[in-house]
Amino acid sequence: MGDTASPRPRPRCYRTELNQGHRGLTKSSLAPPISETIKWKAPTFMFRGNIASFYPRSTKHVSLMFHTGAVLPDPTGLLEGDGEISRVARFRDEPDLAAKTEALRGLIGAWIELKS
């Protein structure tokens, strides 16, 4: 008999539009170009190294893990965590993403500056 288990439903905030919003924000208006690939079974953004990856198992929000976020200046406090290396940005829904857009751009710009 076949497997009758259904996949775990994703929360509404994990819609394609919100993920596309992150992708557009991270890959658009910033120069030089940022690439996207799949690493660790997750979309990962890169510029001279790994910038950030979506955490696909989040169920209540979209998580964007900055692999070496601890080295980035974060004057707005967008990044969460106190580990030695990584930090996480969380977005509940599209309005939350919109409210945090400039802070996210600042982090990505800081990464580009650090790696240029």
PDB file of N, CA and C in Angstrom:
ATOM      1  N   MET A   1       0.831  -1.176   0.000  1.00  0.00           N
ATOM      2  CA  MET A   1       0.000   0.000   0.000  1.00  0.00           C
ATOM      3  C   MET A   1       0.875   1.238   0.000  1.00  0.00           C
ATOM      4  N   GLY A   2       0.335   2.324  -0.547  1.00  0.00           N
ATOM      5  CA  GLY A   2       1.087   3.571  -0.643  1.00  0.00           C
ATOM      6  C   GLY A   2       1.111   4.326   0.676  1.00  0.00           C
ATOM      7  N   ASP A   3       1.964   5.273   0.723  1.00  0.00           N
ATOM      8  CA  ASP A   3       2.098   6.127   1.905  1.00  0.00           C
ATOM      9  C   ASP A   3       0.915   7.077   1.963  1.00  0.00           C
ATOM     10  N   THR A   4       0.168   7.062   3.057  1.00  0.00           N
ATOM     11  CA  THR A   4      -1.018   7.905   3.177  1.00  0.00           C
ATOM     12  C   THR A   4      -0.750   9.192   3.936  1.00  0.00           C
ATOM     13  N   ALA A   5       0.468   9.365   4.411  1.00  0.00           N
ATOM     14  CA  ALA A   5       0.785  10.584   5.160  1.00  0.00           C
ATOM     15  C   ALA A   5       0.832  11.765   4.205  1.00  0.00           C
ATOM     16  N   SER A   6       0.198  12.841   4.594  1.00  0.00           N
ATOM     17  CA  SER A   6       0.232  14.032   3.756  1.00  0.00           C
ATOM     18  C   SER A   6       1.369  14.932   4.221  1.00  0.00           C
ATOM     19  N   PRO A   7       1.907  15.737   3.307  1.00  0.00           N
ATOM     20  CA  PRO A   7       2.994  16.625   3.722  1.00  0.00           C
ATOM     21  C   PRO A   7       2.516  17.642   4.746  1.00  0.00           C
ATOM     22  N   ARG A   8       3.425  18.064   5.594  1.00  0.00           N
ATOM     23  CA  ARG A   8       3.109  19.064   6.606  1.00  0.00           C
ATOM     24  C   ARG A   8       2.757  20.378   5.917  1.00  0.00           C
ATOM     25  N   PRO A   9       1.601  20.958   6.219  1.00  0.00           N
ATOM     26  CA  PRO A   9       1.240  22.215   5.561  1.00  0.00           C
ATOM     27  C   PRO A   9       2.160  23.346   6.013  1.00  0.00           C
ATOM     28  N   ARG A  10       2.470  24.229   5.107  1.00  0.00           N
ATOM     29  CA  ARG A  10       3.292  25.381   5.432  1.00  0.00           C
ATOM     30  C   ARG A  10       2.385  26.518   5.892  1.00  0.00           C
ATOM     31  N   PRO A  11       2.865  27.363   6.773  1.00  0.00           N
ATOM     32  CA  PRO A  11       2.042  28.478   7.220  1.00  0.00           C
ATOM     33  C   PRO A  11       1.826  29.472   6.090  1.00  0.00           C
ATOM     34  N   ARG A  12       0.821  30.291   6.240  1.00  0.00           N
ATOM     35  CA  ARG A  12       0.499  31.268   5.200  1.00  0.00           C
ATOM     36  C   ARG A  12       1.659  32.203   4.909  1.00  0.00           C
ATOM     37  N   CYS A  13       2.462  32.517   5.917  1.00  0.00           N
ATOM     38  CA  CYS A  13       3.555  33.456   5.697  1.00  0.00           C
ATOM     39  C   CYS A  13       4.679  32.841   4.880  1.00  0.00           C
ATOM     40  N   TYR A  14       4.628  31.554   4.635  1.00  0.00           N
ATOM     41  CA  TYR A  14       5.675  30.905   3.868  1.00  0.00           C
ATOM     42  C   TYR A  14       5.267  30.791   2.401  1.00  0.00           C
ATOM     43  N   ARG A  15       4.387  31.658   1.964  1.00  0.00           N
ATOM     44  CA  ARG A  15       3.933  31.635   0.583  1.00  0.00           C
ATOM     45  C   ARG A  15       5.069  31.962  -0.367  1.00  0.00           C
ATOM     46  N   THR A  16       4.886  31.545  -1.588  1.00  0.00           N
ATOM     47  CA  THR A  16       5.872  31.813  -2.625  1.00  0.00           C
ATOM     48  C   THR A  16       6.139  33.305  -2.755  1.00  0.00           C
ATOM     49  N   GLU A  17       5.119  34.138  -2.619  1.00  0.00           N
ATOM     50  CA  GLU A  17       5.307  35.573  -2.786  1.00  0.00           C
ATOM     51  C   GLU A  17       6.292  36.133  -1.761  1.00  0.00           C
ATOM     52  N   LEU A  18       6.217  35.673  -0.530  1.00  0.00           N
ATOM     53  CA  LEU A  18       7.128  36.176   0.494  1.00  0.00           C
ATOM     54  C   LEU A  18       8.546  35.717   0.197  1.00  0.00           C
ATOM     55  N   ASN A  19       8.704  34.474  -0.184  1.00  0.00           N
ATOM     56  CA  ASN A  19      10.034  33.998  -0.560  1.00  0.00           C
ATOM     57  C   ASN A  19      10.549  34.751  -1.772  1.00  0.00           C
ATOM     58  N   GLN A  20       9.685  35.011  -2.730  1.00  0.00           N
ATOM     59  CA  GLN A  20      10.107  35.780  -3.898  1.00  0.00           C
ATOM     60  C   GLN A  20      10.489  37.194  -3.492  1.00  0.00           C
ATOM     61  N   GLY A  21       9.799  37.749  -2.516  1.00  0.00           N
ATOM     62  CA  GLY A  21      10.159  39.074  -2.017  1.00  0.00           C
ATOM     63  C   GLY A  21      11.557  39.090  -1.448  1.00  0.00           C
ATOM     64  N   HIS A  22      11.914  38.066  -0.687  1.00  0.00           N
ATOM     65  CA  HIS A  22      13.278  37.958  -0.161  1.00  0.00           C
ATOM     66  C   HIS A  22      14.280  37.837  -1.296  1.00  0.00           C
ATOM     67  N   ARG A  23      13.951  36.975  -2.261  1.00  0.00           N
ATOM     68  CA  ARG A  23      14.873  36.773  -3.376  1.00  0.00           C
ATOM     69  C   ARG A  23      15.057  38.065  -4.153  1.00  0.00           C
ATOM     70  N   GLY A  24      13.973  38.746  -4.435  1.00  0.00           N
ATOM     71  CA  GLY A  24      14.075  40.001  -5.173  1.00  0.00           C
ATOM     72  C   GLY A  24      14.880  41.026  -4.407  1.00  0.00           C
ATOM     73  N   LEU A  25      14.678  41.082  -3.129  1.00  0.00           N
ATOM     74  CA  LEU A  25      15.393  42.048  -2.297  1.00  0.00           C
ATOM     75  C   LEU A  25      16.873  41.723  -2.240  1.00  0.00           C
ATOM     76  N   THR A  26      17.212  40.472  -2.126  1.00  0.00           N
ATOM     77  CA  THR A  26      18.614  40.119  -1.991  1.00  0.00           C
ATOM     78  C   THR A  26      19.343  40.146  -3.320  1.00  0.00           C
ATOM     79  N   LYS A  27      18.641  39.946  -4.424  1.00  0.00           N
ATOM     80  CA  LYS A  27      19.321  39.835  -5.703  1.00  0.00           C
ATOM     81  C   LYS A  27      19.147  41.057  -6.588  1.00  0.00           C
ATOM     82  N   SER A  28      18.210  41.930  -6.325  1.00  0.00           N
ATOM     83  CA  SER A  28      17.951  43.038  -7.226  1.00  0.00           C
ATOM     84  C   SER A  28      18.908  44.184  -7.027  1.00  0.00           C
ATOM     85  N   SER A  29      18.454  45.316  -6.803  1.00  0.00           N
ATOM     86  CA  SER A  29      19.120  46.609  -6.756  1.00  0.00           C
ATOM     87  C   SER A  29      20.509  46.685  -6.141  1.00  0.00           C
ATOM     88  N   LEU A  30      21.100  45.603  -5.787  1.00  0.00           N
ATOM     89  CA  LEU A  30      22.440  45.645  -5.215  1.00  0.00           C
ATOM     90  C   LEU A  30      23.457  45.190  -6.247  1.00  0.00           C
ATOM     91  N   ALA A  31      24.554  45.908  -6.323  1.00  0.00           N
ATOM     92  CA  ALA A  31      25.630  45.500  -7.220  1.00  0.00           C
ATOM     93  C   ALA A  31      26.840  45.243  -6.353  1.00  0.00           C
ATOM     94  N   PRO A  32      27.655  44.337  -6.648  1.00  0.00           N
ATOM     95  CA  PRO A  32      27.650  43.402  -7.760  1.00  0.00           C
ATOM     96  C   PRO A  32      26.591  42.323  -7.607  1.00  0.00           C
ATOM     97  N   PRO A  33      26.402  41.536  -8.655  1.00  0.00           N
ATOM     98  CA  PRO A  33      25.315  40.553  -8.619  1.00  0.00           C
ATOM     99  C   PRO A  33      25.515  39.484  -7.538  1.00  0.00           C
ATOM    100  N   ILE A  34      24.396  39.109  -6.978  1.00  0.00           N
ATOM    101  CA  ILE A  34      24.359  38.042  -5.975  1.00  0.00           C
ATOM    102  C   ILE A  34      23.765  36.818  -6.659  1.00  0.00           C
ATOM    103  N   SER A  35      24.362  35.671  -6.445  1.00  0.00           N
ATOM    104  CA  SER A  35      23.844  34.451  -7.056  1.00  0.00           C
ATOM    105  C   SER A  35      23.023  33.672  -6.036  1.00  0.00           C
ATOM    106  N   GLU A  36      22.233  32.772  -6.569  1.00  0.00           N
ATOM    107  CA  GLU A  36      21.405  31.911  -5.725  1.00  0.00           C
ATOM    108  C   GLU A  36      21.619  30.472  -6.152  1.00  0.00           C
ATOM    109  N   THR A  37      21.747  29.589  -5.185  1.00  0.00           N
ATOM    110  CA  THR A  37      21.909  28.171  -5.457  1.00  0.00           C
ATOM    111  C   THR A  37      21.208  27.393  -4.351  1.00  0.00           C
ATOM    112  N   ILE A  38      21.170  26.093  -4.488  1.00  0.00           N
ATOM    113  CA  ILE A  38      20.617  25.238  -3.435  1.00  0.00           C
ATOM    114  C   ILE A  38      21.787  24.583  -2.704  1.00  0.00           C
ATOM    115  N   LYS A  39      21.874  24.834  -1.410  1.00  0.00           N
ATOM    116  CA  LYS A  39      22.860  24.193  -0.543  1.00  0.00           C
ATOM    117  C   LYS A  39      22.118  23.747   0.703  1.00  0.00           C
ATOM    118  N   TRP A  40      22.490  22.636   1.241  1.00  0.00           N
ATOM    119  CA  TRP A  40      21.857  22.127   2.457  1.00  0.00           C
ATOM    120  C   TRP A  40      20.341  22.029   2.284  1.00  0.00           C
ATOM    121  N   LYS A  41      19.904  21.721   1.059  1.00  0.00           N
ATOM    122  CA  LYS A  41      18.485  21.586   0.714  1.00  0.00           C
ATOM    123  C   LYS A  41      17.714  22.892   0.908  1.00  0.00           C
ATOM    124  N   ALA A  42      18.379  24.022   0.762  1.00  0.00           N
ATOM    125  CA  ALA A  42      17.732  25.316   0.962  1.00  0.00           C
ATOM    126  C   ALA A  42      18.275  26.342  -0.024  1.00  0.00           C
ATOM    127  N   PRO A  43      17.432  27.271  -0.485  1.00  0.00           N
ATOM    128  CA  PRO A  43      17.935  28.367  -1.311  1.00  0.00           C
ATOM    129  C   PRO A  43      18.981  29.155  -0.522  1.00  0.00           C
ATOM    130  N   THR A  44      20.127  29.370  -1.153  1.00  0.00           N
ATOM    131  CA  THR A  44      21.245  30.053  -0.517  1.00  0.00           C
ATOM    132  C   THR A  44      21.735  31.168  -1.433  1.00  0.00           C
ATOM    133  N   PHE A  45      21.937  32.344  -0.861  1.00  0.00           N
ATOM    134  CA  PHE A  45      22.416  33.505  -1.603  1.00  0.00           C
ATOM    135  C   PHE A  45      23.913  33.647  -1.381  1.00  0.00           C
ATOM    136  N   MET A  46      24.631  33.958  -2.481  1.00  0.00           N
ATOM    137  CA  MET A  46      26.084  33.970  -2.408  1.00  0.00           C
ATOM    138  C   MET A  46      26.684  35.196  -3.094  1.00  0.00           C
ATOM    139  N   PHE A  47      27.737  35.698  -2.505  1.00  0.00           N
ATOM    140  CA  PHE A  47      28.634  36.670  -3.118  1.00  0.00           C
ATOM    141  C   PHE A  47      29.986  36.482  -2.448  1.00  0.00           C
ATOM    142  N   ARG A  48      30.913  35.904  -3.160  1.00  0.00           N
ATOM    143  CA  ARG A  48      32.224  35.606  -2.606  1.00  0.00           C
ATOM    144  C   ARG A  48      32.110  34.858  -1.273  1.00  0.00           C
ATOM    145  N   GLY A  49      31.229  33.914  -1.241  1.00  0.00           N
ATOM    146  CA  GLY A  49      30.940  33.130  -0.050  1.00  0.00           C
ATOM    147  C   GLY A  49      29.447  33.094   0.203  1.00  0.00           C
ATOM    148  N   ASN A  50      29.042  32.313   1.172  1.00  0.00           N
ATOM    149  CA  ASN A  50      27.618  32.186   1.512  1.00  0.00           C
ATOM    150  C   ASN A  50      27.171  33.388   2.335  1.00  0.00           C
ATOM    151  N   ILE A  51      26.142  34.082   1.848  1.00  0.00           N
ATOM    152  CA  ILE A  51      25.586  35.196   2.612  1.00  0.00           C
ATOM    153  C   ILE A  51      24.534  34.671   3.582  1.00  0.00           C
ATOM    154  N   ALA A  52      23.489  34.065   3.007  1.00  0.00           N
ATOM    155  CA  ALA A  52      22.366  33.634   3.831  1.00  0.00           C
ATOM    156  C   ALA A  52      21.606  32.516   3.133  1.00  0.00           C
ATOM    157  N   SER A  53      20.893  31.717   3.930  1.00  0.00           N
ATOM    158  CA  SER A  53      20.052  30.638   3.411  1.00  0.00           C
ATOM    159  C   SER A  53      18.693  30.695   4.085  1.00  0.00           C
ATOM    160  N   PHE A  54      17.661  30.343   3.323  1.00  0.00           N
ATOM    161  CA  PHE A  54      16.357  30.148   3.933  1.00  0.00           C
ATOM    162  C   PHE A  54      16.428  28.909   4.807  1.00  0.00           C
ATOM    163  N   TYR A  55      15.706  28.928   5.907  1.00  0.00           N
ATOM    164  CA  TYR A  55      15.582  27.730   6.733  1.00  0.00           C
ATOM    165  C   TYR A  55      14.214  27.143   6.414  1.00  0.00           C
ATOM    166  N   PRO A  56      14.157  26.078   5.596  1.00  0.00           N
ATOM    167  CA  PRO A  56      12.876  25.603   5.073  1.00  0.00           C
ATOM    168  C   PRO A  56      11.950  24.923   6.075  1.00  0.00           C
ATOM    169  N   ARG A  57      12.412  24.608   7.266  1.00  0.00           N
ATOM    170  CA  ARG A  57      11.556  23.916   8.224  1.00  0.00           C
ATOM    171  C   ARG A  57      10.801  24.846   9.164  1.00  0.00           C
ATOM    172  N   SER A  58      11.013  26.137   9.037  1.00  0.00           N
ATOM    173  CA  SER A  58      10.262  27.082   9.883  1.00  0.00           C
ATOM    174  C   SER A  58       8.785  26.966   9.562  1.00  0.00           C
ATOM    175  N   THR A  59       7.967  26.984  10.597  1.00  0.00           N
ATOM    176  CA  THR A  59       6.530  26.828  10.380  1.00  0.00           C
ATOM    177  C   THR A  59       5.717  28.070  10.730  1.00  0.00           C
ATOM    178  N   LYS A  60       6.276  28.993  11.500  1.00  0.00           N
ATOM    179  CA  LYS A  60       5.513  30.164  11.915  1.00  0.00           C
ATOM    180  C   LYS A  60       6.015  31.450  11.284  1.00  0.00           C
ATOM    181  N   HIS A  61       7.108  31.375  10.548  1.00  0.00           N
ATOM    182  CA  HIS A  61       7.692  32.549   9.920  1.00  0.00           C
ATOM    183  C   HIS A  61       8.689  32.072   8.866  1.00  0.00           C
ATOM    184  N   VAL A  62       9.225  33.011   8.119  1.00  0.00           N
ATOM    185  CA  VAL A  62      10.312  32.707   7.194  1.00  0.00           C
ATOM    186  C   VAL A  62      11.604  33.084   7.894  1.00  0.00           C
ATOM    187  N   SER A  63      12.551  32.160   7.920  1.00  0.00           N
ATOM    188  CA  SER A  63      13.848  32.400   8.541  1.00  0.00           C
ATOM    189  C   SER A  63      14.916  32.513   7.464  1.00  0.00           C
ATOM    190  N   LEU A  64      15.739  33.516   7.601  1.00  0.00           N
ATOM    191  CA  LEU A  64      16.868  33.711   6.708  1.00  0.00           C
ATOM    192  C   LEU A  64      18.118  33.701   7.585  1.00  0.00           C
ATOM    193  N   MET A  65      18.903  32.623   7.471  1.00  0.00           N
ATOM    194  CA  MET A  65      20.087  32.490   8.312  1.00  0.00           C
ATOM    195  C   MET A  65      21.289  33.117   7.620  1.00  0.00           C
ATOM    196  N   PHE A  66      21.894  34.093   8.276  1.00  0.00           N
ATOM    197  CA  PHE A  66      23.132  34.688   7.801  1.00  0.00           C
ATOM    198  C   PHE A  66      24.264  33.855   8.376  1.00  0.00           C
ATOM    199  N   HIS A  67      24.996  33.175   7.487  1.00  0.00           N
ATOM    200  CA  HIS A  67      25.981  32.180   7.911  1.00  0.00           C
ATOM    201  C   HIS A  67      27.059  32.754   8.826  1.00  0.00           C
ATOM    202  N   THR A  68      27.501  33.958   8.546  1.00  0.00           N
ATOM    203  CA  THR A  68      28.497  34.609   9.405  1.00  0.00           C
ATOM    204  C   THR A  68      27.953  35.954   9.858  1.00  0.00           C
ATOM    205  N   GLY A  69      26.713  35.967  10.247  1.00  0.00           N
ATOM    206  CA  GLY A  69      26.028  37.190  10.642  1.00  0.00           C
ATOM    207  C   GLY A  69      26.644  37.899  11.826  1.00  0.00           C
ATOM    208  N   ALA A  70      27.391  37.195  12.642  1.00  0.00           N
ATOM    209  CA  ALA A  70      27.998  37.814  13.818  1.00  0.00           C
ATOM    210  C   ALA A  70      29.028  38.875  13.433  1.00  0.00           C
ATOM    211  N   VAL A  71      29.578  38.799  12.216  1.00  0.00           N
ATOM    212  CA  VAL A  71      30.579  39.788  11.801  1.00  0.00           C
ATOM    213  C   VAL A  71      29.954  41.007  11.131  1.00  0.00           C
ATOM    214  N   LEU A  72      28.649  40.966  10.873  1.00  0.00           N
ATOM    215  CA  LEU A  72      27.995  42.074  10.176  1.00  0.00           C
ATOM    216  C   LEU A  72      27.503  43.139  11.156  1.00  0.00           C
ATOM    217  N   PRO A  73      27.678  44.405  10.784  1.00  0.00           N
ATOM    218  CA  PRO A  73      27.084  45.452  11.617  1.00  0.00           C
ATOM    219  C   PRO A  73      25.560  45.373  11.498  1.00  0.00           C
ATOM    220  N   ASP A  74      24.865  45.470  12.598  1.00  0.00           N
ATOM    221  CA  ASP A  74      23.402  45.342  12.614  1.00  0.00           C
ATOM    222  C   ASP A  74      22.808  46.425  13.504  1.00  0.00           C
ATOM    223  N   PRO A  75      22.876  47.678  13.065  1.00  0.00           N
ATOM    224  CA  PRO A  75      22.412  48.766  13.921  1.00  0.00           C
ATOM    225  C   PRO A  75      20.910  48.738  14.217  1.00  0.00           C
ATOM    226  N   THR A  76      20.127  48.053  13.393  1.00  0.00           N
ATOM    227  CA  THR A  76      18.679  48.007  13.615  1.00  0.00           C
ATOM    228  C   THR A  76      18.250  46.834  14.486  1.00  0.00           C
ATOM    229  N   GLY A  77      19.166  45.890  14.738  1.00  0.00           N
ATOM    230  CA  GLY A  77      18.806  44.733  15.552  1.00  0.00           C
ATOM    231  C   GLY A  77      17.972  43.703  14.826  1.00  0.00           C
ATOM    232  N   LEU A  78      18.057  43.665  13.500  1.00  0.00           N
ATOM    233  CA  LEU A  78      17.285  42.695  12.732  1.00  0.00           C
ATOM    234  C   LEU A  78      17.703  41.261  13.036  1.00  0.00           C
ATOM    235  N   LEU A  79      18.985  41.055  13.207  1.00  0.00           N
ATOM    236  CA  LEU A  79      19.489  39.698  13.406  1.00  0.00           C
ATOM    237  C   LEU A  79      19.307  39.237  14.852  1.00  0.00           C
ATOM    238  N   GLU A  80      18.914  37.984  14.976  1.00  0.00           N
ATOM    239  CA  GLU A  80      18.715  37.378  16.290  1.00  0.00           C
ATOM    240  C   GLU A  80      19.772  36.312  16.526  1.00  0.00           C
ATOM    241  N   GLY A  81      20.100  36.085  17.776  1.00  0.00           N
ATOM    242  CA  GLY A  81      21.034  35.037  18.141  1.00  0.00           C
ATOM    243  C   GLY A  81      22.267  35.609  18.803  1.00  0.00           C
ATOM    244  N   ASP A  82      22.955  34.756  19.525  1.00  0.00           N
ATOM    245  CA  ASP A  82      24.163  35.203  20.207  1.00  0.00           C
ATOM    246  C   ASP A  82      25.299  34.198  20.039  1.00  0.00           C
ATOM    247  N   GLY A  83      25.199  33.374  18.995  1.00  0.00           N
ATOM    248  CA  GLY A  83      26.276  32.426  18.714  1.00  0.00           C
ATOM    249  C   GLY A  83      27.512  33.141  18.204  1.00  0.00           C
ATOM    250  N   GLU A  84      28.591  32.417  18.124  1.00  0.00           N
ATOM    251  CA  GLU A  84      29.857  33.006  17.695  1.00  0.00           C
ATOM    252  C   GLU A  84      29.886  33.322  16.207  1.00  0.00           C
ATOM    253  N   ILE A  85      29.031  32.664  15.399  1.00  0.00           N
ATOM    254  CA  ILE A  85      29.156  32.819  13.952  1.00  0.00           C
ATOM    255  C   ILE A  85      27.867  33.280  13.278  1.00  0.00           C
ATOM    256  N   SER A  86      26.805  32.517  13.365  1.00  0.00           N
ATOM    257  CA  SER A  86      25.612  32.798  12.573  1.00  0.00           C
ATOM    258  C   SER A  86      24.582  33.639  13.328  1.00  0.00           C
ATOM    259  N   ARG A  87      23.674  34.226  12.550  1.00  0.00           N
ATOM    260  CA  ARG A  87      22.535  34.993  13.065  1.00  0.00           C
ATOM    261  C   ARG A  87      21.332  34.705  12.160  1.00  0.00           C
ATOM    262  N   VAL A  88      20.136  34.977  12.658  1.00  0.00           N
ATOM    263  CA  VAL A  88      18.914  34.701  11.914  1.00  0.00           C
ATOM    264  C   VAL A  88      18.042  35.947  11.858  1.00  0.00           C
ATOM    265  N   ALA A  89      17.470  36.180  10.675  1.00  0.00           N
ATOM    266  CA  ALA A  89      16.442  37.209  10.510  1.00  0.00           C
ATOM    267  C   ALA A  89      15.120  36.477  10.298  1.00  0.00           C
ATOM    268  N   ARG A  90      14.088  36.898  11.006  1.00  0.00           N
ATOM    269  CA  ARG A  90      12.777  36.250  10.899  1.00  0.00           C
ATOM    270  C   ARG A  90      11.756  37.245  10.379  1.00  0.00           C
ATOM    271  N   PHE A  91      10.866  36.730   9.518  1.00  0.00           N
ATOM    272  CA  PHE A  91       9.829  37.554   8.916  1.00  0.00           C
ATOM    273  C   PHE A  91       8.507  36.817   9.044  1.00  0.00           C
ATOM    274  N   ARG A  92       7.529  37.447   9.724  1.00  0.00           N
ATOM    275  CA  ARG A  92       6.241  36.808   9.992  1.00  0.00           C
ATOM    276  C   ARG A  92       5.334  36.781   8.765  1.00  0.00           C
ATOM    277  N   ASP A  93       5.342  37.864   7.994  1.00  0.00           N
ATOM    278  CA  ASP A  93       4.443  37.979   6.859  1.00  0.00           C
ATOM    279  C   ASP A  93       4.945  39.102   5.954  1.00  0.00           C
ATOM    280  N   GLU A  94       4.204  39.392   4.907  1.00  0.00           N
ATOM    281  CA  GLU A  94       4.641  40.408   3.956  1.00  0.00           C
ATOM    282  C   GLU A  94       4.769  41.798   4.585  1.00  0.00           C
ATOM    283  N   PRO A  95       3.840  42.236   5.436  1.00  0.00           N
ATOM    284  CA  PRO A  95       4.038  43.543   6.079  1.00  0.00           C
ATOM    285  C   PRO A  95       5.301  43.587   6.952  1.00  0.00           C
ATOM    286  N   ASP A  96       5.615  42.484   7.615  1.00  0.00           N
ATOM    287  CA  ASP A  96       6.821  42.424   8.430  1.00  0.00           C
ATOM    288  C   ASP A  96       8.066  42.534   7.548  1.00  0.00           C
ATOM    289  N   LEU A  97       8.051  41.842   6.408  1.00  0.00           N
ATOM    290  CA  LEU A  97       9.157  41.956   5.456  1.00  0.00           C
ATOM    291  C   LEU A  97       9.296  43.395   4.974  1.00  0.00           C
ATOM    292  N   ALA A  98       8.181  44.023   4.643  1.00  0.00           N
ATOM    293  CA  ALA A  98       8.221  45.411   4.173  1.00  0.00           C
ATOM    294  C   ALA A  98       8.819  46.331   5.236  1.00  0.00           C
ATOM    295  N   ALA A  99       8.469  46.106   6.482  1.00  0.00           N
ATOM    296  CA  ALA A  99       8.976  46.945   7.570  1.00  0.00           C
ATOM    297  C   ALA A  99      10.470  46.742   7.798  1.00  0.00           C
ATOM    298  N   LYS A 100      10.982  45.574   7.452  1.00  0.00           N
ATOM    299  CA  LYS A 100      12.388  45.250   7.707  1.00  0.00           C
ATOM    300  C   LYS A 100      13.263  45.333   6.449  1.00  0.00           C
ATOM    301  N   THR A 101      12.686  45.776   5.345  1.00  0.00           N
ATOM    302  CA  THR A 101      13.395  45.791   4.071  1.00  0.00           C
ATOM    303  C   THR A 101      14.697  46.579   4.120  1.00  0.00           C
ATOM    304  N   GLU A 102      14.666  47.787   4.634  1.00  0.00           N
ATOM    305  CA  GLU A 102      15.881  48.606   4.648  1.00  0.00           C
ATOM    306  C   GLU A 102      16.968  47.988   5.520  1.00  0.00           C
ATOM    307  N   ALA A 103      16.585  47.399   6.640  1.00  0.00           N
ATOM    308  CA  ALA A 103      17.569  46.733   7.499  1.00  0.00           C
ATOM    309  C   ALA A 103      18.196  45.549   6.778  1.00  0.00           C
ATOM    310  N   LEU A 104      17.385  44.795   6.036  1.00  0.00           N
ATOM    311  CA  LEU A 104      17.889  43.657   5.279  1.00  0.00           C
ATOM    312  C   LEU A 104      18.832  44.122   4.178  1.00  0.00           C
ATOM    313  N   ARG A 105      18.463  45.182   3.481  1.00  0.00           N
ATOM    314  CA  ARG A 105      19.355  45.747   2.461  1.00  0.00           C
ATOM    315  C   ARG A 105      20.684  46.174   3.085  1.00  0.00           C
ATOM    316  N   GLY A 106      20.627  46.758   4.257  1.00  0.00           N
ATOM    317  CA  GLY A 106      21.846  47.185   4.924  1.00  0.00           C
ATOM    318  C   GLY A 106      22.770  46.024   5.243  1.00  0.00           C
ATOM    319  N   LEU A 107      22.199  44.912   5.685  1.00  0.00           N
ATOM    320  CA  LEU A 107      23.009  43.729   5.991  1.00  0.00           C
ATOM    321  C   LEU A 107      23.665  43.160   4.741  1.00  0.00           C
ATOM    322  N   ILE A 108      22.891  43.086   3.669  1.00  0.00           N
ATOM    323  CA  ILE A 108      23.442  42.551   2.425  1.00  0.00           C
ATOM    324  C   ILE A 108      24.516  43.491   1.880  1.00  0.00           C
ATOM    325  N   GLY A 109      24.265  44.791   1.958  1.00  0.00           N
ATOM    326  CA  GLY A 109      25.276  45.763   1.544  1.00  0.00           C
ATOM    327  C   GLY A 109      26.544  45.662   2.376  1.00  0.00           C
ATOM    328  N   ALA A 110      26.392  45.435   3.675  1.00  0.00           N
ATOM    329  CA  ALA A 110      27.555  45.275   4.558  1.00  0.00           C
ATOM    330  C   ALA A 110      28.360  44.038   4.162  1.00  0.00           C
ATOM    331  N   TRP A 111      27.665  42.958   3.792  1.00  0.00           N
ATOM    332  CA  TRP A 111      28.367  41.744   3.361  1.00  0.00           C
ATOM    333  C   TRP A 111      29.170  42.040   2.097  1.00  0.00           C
ATOM    334  N   ILE A 112      28.540  42.701   1.129  1.00  0.00           N
ATOM    335  CA  ILE A 112      29.221  43.012  -0.130  1.00  0.00           C
ATOM    336  C   ILE A 112      30.452  43.876   0.139  1.00  0.00           C
ATOM    337  N   GLU A 113      30.307  44.870   0.991  1.00  0.00           N
ATOM    338  CA  GLU A 113      31.424  45.731   1.326  1.00  0.00           C
ATOM    339  C   GLU A 113      32.549  44.934   2.008  1.00  0.00           C
ATOM    340  N   LEU A 114      32.172  44.061   2.897  1.00  0.00           N
ATOM    341  CA  LEU A 114      33.161  43.241   3.610  1.00  0.00           C
ATOM    342  C   LEU A 114      33.938  42.349   2.636  1.00  0.00           C
ATOM    343  N   LYS A 115      33.258  41.823   1.622  1.00  0.00           N
ATOM    344  CA  LYS A 115      33.880  40.878   0.699  1.00  0.00           C
ATOM    345  C   LYS A 115      34.491  41.523  -0.539  1.00  0.00           C
ATOM    346  N   SER A 116      34.296  42.815  -0.727  1.00  0.00           N
ATOM    347  CA  SER A 116      34.834  43.495  -1.922  1.00  0.00           C
ATOM    348  C   SER A 116      36.245  43.965  -1.708  1.00  0.00           C
TER     349      SER A 116
END
